[in-house]
C-alpha atoms as a PDB file:
ATOM      1  CA  MET A   1      29.583   5.482   1.976  1.00  0.00           C
ATOM      2  CA  VAL A   2      28.860   8.969   3.348  1.00  0.00           C
ATOM      3  CA  ALA A   3      26.983   8.403   6.586  1.00  0.00           C
ATOM      4  CA  PRO A   4      29.173   8.042   9.675  1.00  0.00           C
ATOM      5  CA  THR A   5      29.142   4.751  11.523  1.00  0.00           C
ATOM      6  CA  ASP A   6      27.087   4.814  14.695  1.00  0.00           C
ATOM      7  CA  LEU A   7      29.254   4.580  17.818  1.00  0.00           C
ATOM      8  CA  VAL A   8      26.921   2.158  19.618  1.00  0.00           C
ATOM      9  CA  LEU A   9      25.072   0.228  16.886  1.00  0.00           C
ATOM     10  CA  GLY A  10      27.806   0.105  14.272  1.00  0.00           C
ATOM     11  CA  HIS A  11      27.032  -0.553  10.619  1.00  0.00           C
ATOM     12  CA  ILE A  12      23.598  -2.069  11.319  1.00  0.00           C
ATOM     13  CA  GLN A  13      22.375   1.461  12.036  1.00  0.00           C
ATOM     14  CA  ARG A  14      22.611   2.264   8.321  1.00  0.00           C
ATOM     15  CA  ILE A  15      19.313   0.462   7.727  1.00  0.00           C
ATOM     16  CA  PHE A  16      17.830   3.485   9.497  1.00  0.00           C
ATOM     17  CA  TYR A  17      18.056   5.454   6.224  1.00  0.00           C
ATOM     18  CA  ILE A  18      15.714   2.943   4.568  1.00  0.00           C
ATOM     19  CA  HIS A  19      13.542   1.858   7.491  1.00  0.00           C
ATOM     20  CA  VAL A  20      12.432   5.322   8.603  1.00  0.00           C
ATOM     21  CA  PRO A  21      11.456   6.734   5.155  1.00  0.00           C
ATOM     22  CA  ILE A  22       9.449   3.675   4.121  1.00  0.00           C
ATOM     23  CA  SER A  23       7.691   3.682   7.501  1.00  0.00           C
ATOM     24  CA  LEU A  24       6.708   7.335   7.127  1.00  0.00           C
ATOM     25  CA  LEU A  25       5.626   6.832   3.524  1.00  0.00           C
ATOM     26  CA  SER A  26       3.408   3.911   4.513  1.00  0.00           C
ATOM     27  CA  PHE A  27       1.670   6.348   6.883  1.00  0.00           C
ATOM     28  CA  ILE A  28       1.275   8.807   4.009  1.00  0.00           C
ATOM     29  CA  GLY A  29      -0.167   6.050   1.831  1.00  0.00           C
ATOM     30  CA  PHE A  30      -2.780   5.178   4.435  1.00  0.00           C
ATOM     31  CA  PHE A  31      -3.574   8.883   4.924  1.00  0.00           C
ATOM     32  CA  VAL A  32      -4.188   9.234   1.180  1.00  0.00           C
ATOM     33  CA  CYS A  33      -6.321   6.074   1.302  1.00  0.00           C
ATOM     34  CA  ALA A  34      -8.457   7.516   4.115  1.00  0.00           C
ATOM     35  CA  VAL A  35      -8.902  10.901   2.412  1.00  0.00           C
ATOM     36  CA  ALA A  36      -9.727   9.272  -0.935  1.00  0.00           C
ATOM     37  CA  GLY A  37     -12.145   6.928   0.857  1.00  0.00           C
ATOM     38  CA  ILE A  38     -13.992   9.947   2.254  1.00  0.00           C
ATOM     39  CA  GLY A  39     -14.010  11.449  -1.231  1.00  0.00           C
ATOM     40  CA  TYR A  40     -15.455   8.245  -2.678  1.00  0.00           C
ATOM     41  CA  LEU A  41     -18.224   7.992  -0.067  1.00  0.00           C
ATOM     42  CA  ILE A  42     -19.214  11.599  -0.814  1.00  0.00           C
ATOM     43  CA  ARG A  43     -18.787  11.733  -4.603  1.00  0.00           C
ATOM     44  CA  ARG A  44     -19.038   8.045  -5.615  1.00  0.00           C
ATOM     45  CA  THR A  45     -16.584   8.542  -8.461  1.00  0.00           C
ATOM     46  CA  ASP A  46     -14.182   5.917  -9.774  1.00  0.00           C
ATOM     47  CA  ARG A  47     -11.208   8.263  -9.596  1.00  0.00           C
ATOM     48  CA  TRP A  48     -11.446   8.585  -5.816  1.00  0.00           C
ATOM     49  CA  ASP A  49     -11.789   4.829  -5.493  1.00  0.00           C
ATOM     50  CA  ARG A  50      -8.801   4.167  -7.727  1.00  0.00           C
ATOM     51  CA  LEU A  51      -6.682   6.564  -5.681  1.00  0.00           C
ATOM     52  CA  ALA A  52      -7.745   4.952  -2.393  1.00  0.00           C
ATOM     53  CA  HIS A  53      -7.106   1.425  -3.665  1.00  0.00           C
ATOM     54  CA  SER A  54      -3.723   2.285  -5.187  1.00  0.00           C
ATOM     55  CA  ALA A  55      -2.515   4.168  -2.112  1.00  0.00           C
ATOM     56  CA  ALA A  56      -3.592   1.279   0.126  1.00  0.00           C
ATOM     57  CA  GLU A  57      -1.762  -1.297  -1.993  1.00  0.00           C
ATOM     58  CA  VAL A  58       1.470   0.697  -2.078  1.00  0.00           C
ATOM     59  CA  GLY A  59       1.056   1.475   1.623  1.00  0.00           C
ATOM     60  CA  VAL A  60       0.795  -2.230   2.420  1.00  0.00           C
ATOM     61  CA  VAL A  61       3.986  -2.906   0.448  1.00  0.00           C
ATOM     62  CA  PHE A  62       5.811  -0.157   2.322  1.00  0.00           C
ATOM     63  CA  VAL A  63       4.593  -1.136   5.795  1.00  0.00           C
ATOM     64  CA  THR A  64       5.581  -4.737   5.017  1.00  0.00           C
ATOM     65  CA  LEU A  65       9.087  -3.530   4.158  1.00  0.00           C
ATOM     66  CA  ALA A  66       9.083  -1.457   7.344  1.00  0.00           C
ATOM     67  CA  LEU A  67       8.343  -4.568   9.414  1.00  0.00           C
ATOM     68  CA  VAL A  68      10.987  -6.605   7.595  1.00  0.00           C
ATOM     69  CA  THR A  69      13.718  -3.975   7.879  1.00  0.00           C
ATOM     70  CA  GLY A  70      12.713  -3.378  11.484  1.00  0.00           C
ATOM     71  CA  VAL A  71      13.240  -6.988  12.541  1.00  0.00           C
ATOM     72  CA  ILE A  72      16.512  -7.143  10.579  1.00  0.00           C
ATOM     73  CA  TRP A  73      17.664  -4.099  12.538  1.00  0.00           C
ATOM     74  CA  ALA A  74      16.376  -5.501  15.836  1.00  0.00           C
ATOM     75  CA  ARG A  75      18.002  -8.946  15.616  1.00  0.00           C
ATOM     76  CA  PRO A  76      21.627  -7.934  16.299  1.00  0.00           C
ATOM     77  CA  VAL A  77      20.593  -5.142  18.683  1.00  0.00           C
ATOM     78  CA  TRP A  78      17.918  -6.821  20.804  1.00  0.00           C
ATOM     79  CA  GLY A  79      19.007 -10.425  20.290  1.00  0.00           C
ATOM     80  CA  VAL A  80      15.570 -11.520  18.989  1.00  0.00           C
ATOM     81  CA  TRP A  81      13.783 -11.228  15.660  1.00  0.00           C
ATOM     82  CA  TRP A  82      10.496 -10.174  17.214  1.00  0.00           C
ATOM     83  CA  THR A  83       9.252  -8.926  20.568  1.00  0.00           C
ATOM     84  CA  TRP A  84       5.760  -7.773  21.420  1.00  0.00           C
ATOM     85  CA  GLU A  85       6.726  -4.229  22.300  1.00  0.00           C
ATOM     86  CA  PRO A  86       4.226  -1.414  21.545  1.00  0.00           C
ATOM     87  CA  ARG A  87       5.721  -0.053  18.306  1.00  0.00           C
ATOM     88  CA  LEU A  88       6.067  -3.457  16.655  1.00  0.00           C
ATOM     89  CA  THR A  89       2.658  -4.649  17.845  1.00  0.00           C
ATOM     90  CA  THR A  90       0.758  -1.562  16.686  1.00  0.00           C
ATOM     91  CA  THR A  91       2.572  -1.664  13.334  1.00  0.00           C
ATOM     92  CA  LEU A  92       1.574  -5.302  12.864  1.00  0.00           C
ATOM     93  CA  ILE A  93      -2.037  -4.344  13.646  1.00  0.00           C
ATOM     94  CA  LEU A  94      -1.806  -1.588  11.031  1.00  0.00           C
ATOM     95  CA  TRP A  95      -0.558  -4.123   8.485  1.00  0.00           C
ATOM     96  CA  LEU A  96      -3.450  -6.473   9.291  1.00  0.00           C
ATOM     97  CA  ILE A  97      -6.025  -3.676   8.960  1.00  0.00           C
ATOM     98  CA  TYR A  98      -4.990  -2.728   5.450  1.00  0.00           C
ATOM     99  CA  VAL A  99      -4.526  -6.318   4.318  1.00  0.00           C
ATOM    100  CA  ALA A 100      -8.150  -6.731   5.432  1.00  0.00           C
ATOM    101  CA  TYR A 101      -8.956  -3.613   3.362  1.00  0.00           C
ATOM    102  CA  LEU A 102      -7.608  -5.309   0.232  1.00  0.00           C
ATOM    103  CA  MET A 103      -9.376  -8.589   1.012  1.00  0.00           C
ATOM    104  CA  ILE A 104     -12.736  -6.851   1.501  1.00  0.00           C
ATOM    105  CA  ARG A 105     -12.501  -5.361  -1.961  1.00  0.00           C
ATOM    106  CA  HIS A 106     -12.059  -8.797  -3.528  1.00  0.00           C
ATOM    107  CA  TYR A 107     -14.490 -10.847  -1.446  1.00  0.00           C
ATOM    108  CA  ALA A 108     -17.469  -8.476  -1.113  1.00  0.00           C
ATOM    109  CA  PRO A 109     -20.717  -9.693  -2.767  1.00  0.00           C
ATOM    110  CA  THR A 110     -20.604  -6.894  -5.362  1.00  0.00           C
ATOM    111  CA  PRO A 111     -17.890  -4.470  -6.524  1.00  0.00           C
ATOM    112  CA  GLN A 112     -19.942  -1.499  -5.299  1.00  0.00           C
ATOM    113  CA  GLN A 113     -20.258  -2.980  -1.817  1.00  0.00           C
ATOM    114  CA  GLY A 114     -16.555  -3.820  -1.806  1.00  0.00           C
ATOM    115  CA  ARG A 115     -15.646  -0.227  -2.607  1.00  0.00           C
ATOM    116  CA  SER A 116     -17.932   1.218   0.067  1.00  0.00           C
ATOM    117  CA  TRP A 117     -16.965  -1.253   2.797  1.00  0.00           C
ATOM    118  CA  ALA A 118     -13.255  -0.860   2.013  1.00  0.00           C
ATOM    119  CA  ALA A 119     -13.565   2.932   2.156  1.00  0.00           C
ATOM    120  CA  VAL A 120     -14.990   2.663   5.677  1.00  0.00           C
ATOM    121  CA  VAL A 121     -12.185   0.303   6.739  1.00  0.00           C
ATOM    122  CA  GLY A 122      -9.570   2.619   5.226  1.00  0.00           C
ATOM    123  CA  ILE A 123     -10.953   5.609   7.121  1.00  0.00           C
ATOM    124  CA  ILE A 124     -11.286   3.853  10.484  1.00  0.00           C
ATOM    125  CA  GLY A 125      -7.984   2.004  10.073  1.00  0.00           C
ATOM    126  CA  PHE A 126      -6.061   5.260   9.800  1.00  0.00           C
ATOM    127  CA  VAL A 127      -6.737   5.820  13.518  1.00  0.00           C
ATOM    128  CA  ASP A 128      -3.944   3.324  14.178  1.00  0.00           C
ATOM    129  CA  VAL A 129      -1.345   5.464  12.382  1.00  0.00           C
ATOM    130  CA  PRO A 130      -0.955   8.122  15.132  1.00  0.00           C
ATOM    131  CA  ILE A 131      -1.024   5.294  17.687  1.00  0.00           C
ATOM    132  CA  VAL A 132       1.951   3.690  15.939  1.00  0.00           C
ATOM    133  CA  TYR A 133       3.790   7.006  15.719  1.00  0.00           C
ATOM    134  CA  TYR A 134       3.303   8.015  19.363  1.00  0.00           C
ATOM    135  CA  SER A 135       3.586   4.531  20.848  1.00  0.00           C
ATOM    136  CA  VAL A 136       7.193   5.075  21.949  1.00  0.00           C
ATOM    137  CA  GLN A 137       6.090   8.170  23.881  1.00  0.00           C
ATOM    138  CA  TRP A 138       2.933   6.698  25.383  1.00  0.00           C
ATOM    139  CA  TRP A 139       4.337   3.361  26.559  1.00  0.00           C
ATOM    140  CA  ARG A 140       7.693   2.337  27.962  1.00  0.00           C
ATOM    141  CA  SER A 141       9.466   0.095  25.442  1.00  0.00           C
ATOM    142  CA  ILE A 142      12.870  -0.885  24.119  1.00  0.00           C
ATOM    143  CA  HIS A 143      12.207   0.751  20.746  1.00  0.00           C
ATOM    144  CA  PRO A 144      14.336   3.861  20.096  1.00  0.00           C
ATOM    145  CA  VAL A 145      12.581   7.184  20.698  1.00  0.00           C
ATOM    146  CA  GLN A 146      11.737   9.586  17.884  1.00  0.00           C
ATOM    147  CA  VAL A 147      14.724  11.208  16.163  1.00  0.00           C
ATOM    148  CA  ILE A 148      12.604  13.146  13.655  1.00  0.00           C
ATOM    149  CA  GLY A 149       9.246  14.854  13.918  1.00  0.00           C
ATOM    150  CA  PRO A 150       7.608  17.178  16.454  1.00  0.00           C
ATOM    151  CA  GLU A 151       8.410  14.953  19.444  1.00  0.00           C
ATOM    152  CA  SER A 152      12.133  14.615  18.717  1.00  0.00           C
ATOM    153  CA  ALA A 153      14.949  16.643  20.262  1.00  0.00           C
ATOM    154  CA  ASP A 154      16.733  19.254  18.152  1.00  0.00           C
ATOM    155  CA  ASP A 155      20.080  17.459  18.445  1.00  0.00           C
ATOM    156  CA  ALA A 156      18.718  13.917  18.044  1.00  0.00           C
ATOM    157  CA  LEU A 157      20.599  13.480  14.749  1.00  0.00           C
ATOM    158  CA  GLU A 158      23.967  14.643  13.553  1.00  0.00           C
ATOM    159  CA  PRO A 159      23.572  17.170  10.703  1.00  0.00           C
ATOM    160  CA  ILE A 160      25.161  14.835   8.131  1.00  0.00           C
ATOM    161  CA  MET A 161      22.817  12.026   9.231  1.00  0.00           C
ATOM    162  CA  ALA A 162      19.814  14.334   8.918  1.00  0.00           C
ATOM    163  CA  ARG A 163      20.814  15.373   5.395  1.00  0.00           C
ATOM    164  CA  ILE A 164      21.277  11.789   4.264  1.00  0.00           C
ATOM    165  CA  LEU A 165      17.920  10.859   5.785  1.00  0.00           C
ATOM    166  CA  ILE A 166      16.223  13.695   3.894  1.00  0.00           C
ATOM    167  CA  PHE A 167      17.909  12.619   0.659  1.00  0.00           C
ATOM    168  CA  SER A 168      16.738   9.033   1.192  1.00  0.00           C
ATOM    169  CA  PHE A 169      13.208  10.186   2.033  1.00  0.00           C
ATOM    170  CA  VAL A 170      12.934  12.299  -1.134  1.00  0.00           C
ATOM    171  CA  ALA A 171      14.236   9.430  -3.296  1.00  0.00           C
ATOM    172  CA  ILE A 172      11.812   6.906  -1.818  1.00  0.00           C
ATOM    173  CA  LEU A 173       8.985   9.474  -1.993  1.00  0.00           C
ATOM    174  CA  ALA A 174       9.570   9.728  -5.743  1.00  0.00           C
ATOM    175  CA  LEU A 175       9.313   5.937  -5.964  1.00  0.00           C
ATOM    176  CA  PHE A 176       6.136   5.998  -3.859  1.00  0.00           C
ATOM    177  CA  VAL A 177       4.445   8.584  -6.110  1.00  0.00           C
ATOM    178  CA  TYR A 178       5.495   6.685  -9.239  1.00  0.00           C
ATOM    179  CA  LEU A 179       4.073   3.400  -7.922  1.00  0.00           C
ATOM    180  CA  VAL A 180       0.752   4.997  -6.949  1.00  0.00           C
ATOM    181  CA  MET A 181       0.388   6.654 -10.356  1.00  0.00           C
ATOM    182  CA  GLU A 182       1.260   3.442 -12.205  1.00  0.00           C
ATOM    183  CA  ARG A 183      -1.180   1.445 -10.062  1.00  0.00           C
ATOM    184  CA  MET A 184      -3.954   3.971 -10.731  1.00  0.00           C
ATOM    185  CA  ALA A 185      -3.364   3.678 -14.483  1.00  0.00           C
ATOM    186  CA  LEU A 186      -3.407  -0.105 -14.237  1.00  0.00           C
ATOM    187  CA  ARG A 187      -6.579   0.007 -12.156  1.00  0.00           C
ATOM    188  CA  GLN A 188      -8.251   2.191 -14.784  1.00  0.00           C
ATOM    189  CA  ALA A 189      -7.322  -0.366 -17.447  1.00  0.00           C
ATOM    190  CA  GLU A 190      -8.699  -3.160 -15.255  1.00  0.00           C
ATOM    191  CA  ASP A 191     -11.999  -1.292 -14.830  1.00  0.00           C
ATOM    192  CA  ARG A 192     -12.246  -0.737 -18.593  1.00  0.00           C
ATOM    193  CA  LEU A 193     -11.578  -4.429 -19.231  1.00  0.00           C
ATOM    194  CA  SER A 194     -14.326  -5.369 -16.770  1.00  0.00           C
ATOM    195  CA  GLU A 195     -16.747  -3.073 -18.608  1.00  0.00           C
ATOM    196  CA  LEU A 196     -15.878  -4.661 -21.952  1.00  0.00           C
ATOM    197  CA  ARG A 197     -16.359  -8.154 -20.533  1.00  0.00           C
ATOM    198  CA  LEU A 198     -19.740  -7.150 -19.130  1.00  0.00           C
ATOM    199  CA  GLN A 199     -20.803  -5.701 -22.488  1.00  0.00           C
ATOM    200  CA  ASN A 200     -19.601  -8.838 -24.263  1.00  0.00           C
ATOM    201  CA  SER A 201     -21.582 -11.090 -21.914  1.00  0.00           C
ATOM    202  CA  ASP A 202     -24.777  -9.154 -22.784  1.00  0.00           C
ATOM    203  CA  LEU A 203     -24.438  -9.786 -26.517  1.00  0.00           C
ATOM    204  CA  GLN A 204     -26.789 -12.332 -28.089  1.00  0.00           C
ATOM    205  CA  PHE A 205     -25.544 -14.625 -30.850  1.00  0.00           C
ATOM    206  CA  ASP A 206     -28.910 -16.015 -31.965  1.00  0.00           C
ATOM    207  CA  ASP A 207     -28.632 -14.727 -35.569  1.00  0.00           C
ATOM    208  CA  PRO A 208     -27.105 -17.104 -38.124  1.00  0.00           C
ATOM    209  CA  VAL A 209     -23.502 -16.448 -38.953  1.00  0.00           C
ATOM    210  CA  VAL A 210     -22.924 -15.408 -42.565  1.00  0.00           C
ATOM    211  CA  THR A 211     -19.482 -16.002 -43.996  1.00  0.00           C
ATOM    212  CA  THR A 212     -18.068 -14.496 -47.136  1.00  0.00           C
ATOM    213  CA  GLY A 213     -14.888 -14.824 -49.070  1.00  0.00           C
ATOM    214  CA  ASN A 214     -12.976 -18.045 -49.645  1.00  0.00           C
ATOM    215  CA  LEU A 215     -13.949 -19.724 -46.363  1.00  0.00           C
ATOM    216  CA  ILE A 216     -14.885 -23.419 -46.656  1.00  0.00           C
ATOM    217  CA  PRO A 217     -18.435 -24.041 -45.396  1.00  0.00           C
ATOM    218  CA  ILE A 218     -18.955 -26.764 -42.827  1.00  0.00           C
ATOM    219  CA  ASN A 219     -21.423 -29.455 -43.879  1.00  0.00           C
ATOM    220  CA  THR A 220     -24.353 -30.051 -41.573  1.00  0.00           C
ATOM    221  CA  PRO A 221     -25.657 -33.572 -40.757  1.00  0.00           C
ATOM    222  CA  GLY A 222     -27.717 -34.896 -43.658  1.00  0.00           C
ATOM    223  CA  ASP A 223     -26.252 -32.454 -46.140  1.00  0.00           C
ATOM    224  CA  THR A 224     -25.354 -34.375 -49.332  1.00  0.00           C
ATOM    225  CA  THR A 225     -23.835 -31.444 -51.209  1.00  0.00           C
END
């Protein structure tokens, strides 16, 4: 309602205010995952692991939305849903890396191995983030050049567009932080439940069960009472 309509792209350009913030926040999520992975490999504490896992999950959701909104934006502009240009290709690789991160955690032989292996993947996988960001500078492509960040021109955006973009970024950042915190709390509950299940599996029920109160005893075979 506030942003001006782009002279060339028309109304489809408005997806820019969603696509760019969620793309940047997916990068932040993977950065947090990498830093927390380093923390886990050094300290071996559950809190670092929970932070890495939660940031990776939310990051995967955001980079998925970035890909979806990107192809929706590209279809009327480029005439195709998908083209193997550098920015799209490197972003798809980033998505695959962190989907692999989540799969490793679930399919490793032991939870401890899953945490360690995933931490390594999360750290190495972050190398693709600057490649995605600078891909439009490093390779010739049809993807628009940077309009924000250190490589962008000072007048790349109209002031009103820049303000709306900042507003959108702050709003989605609040959602990002909320989702990571909620996922960490849920992960803590999941870990506690796993501990309780493990303790329950170690219990032995060899002692006879004694019942009291008004319960009706169950007759055993051969019992004539």
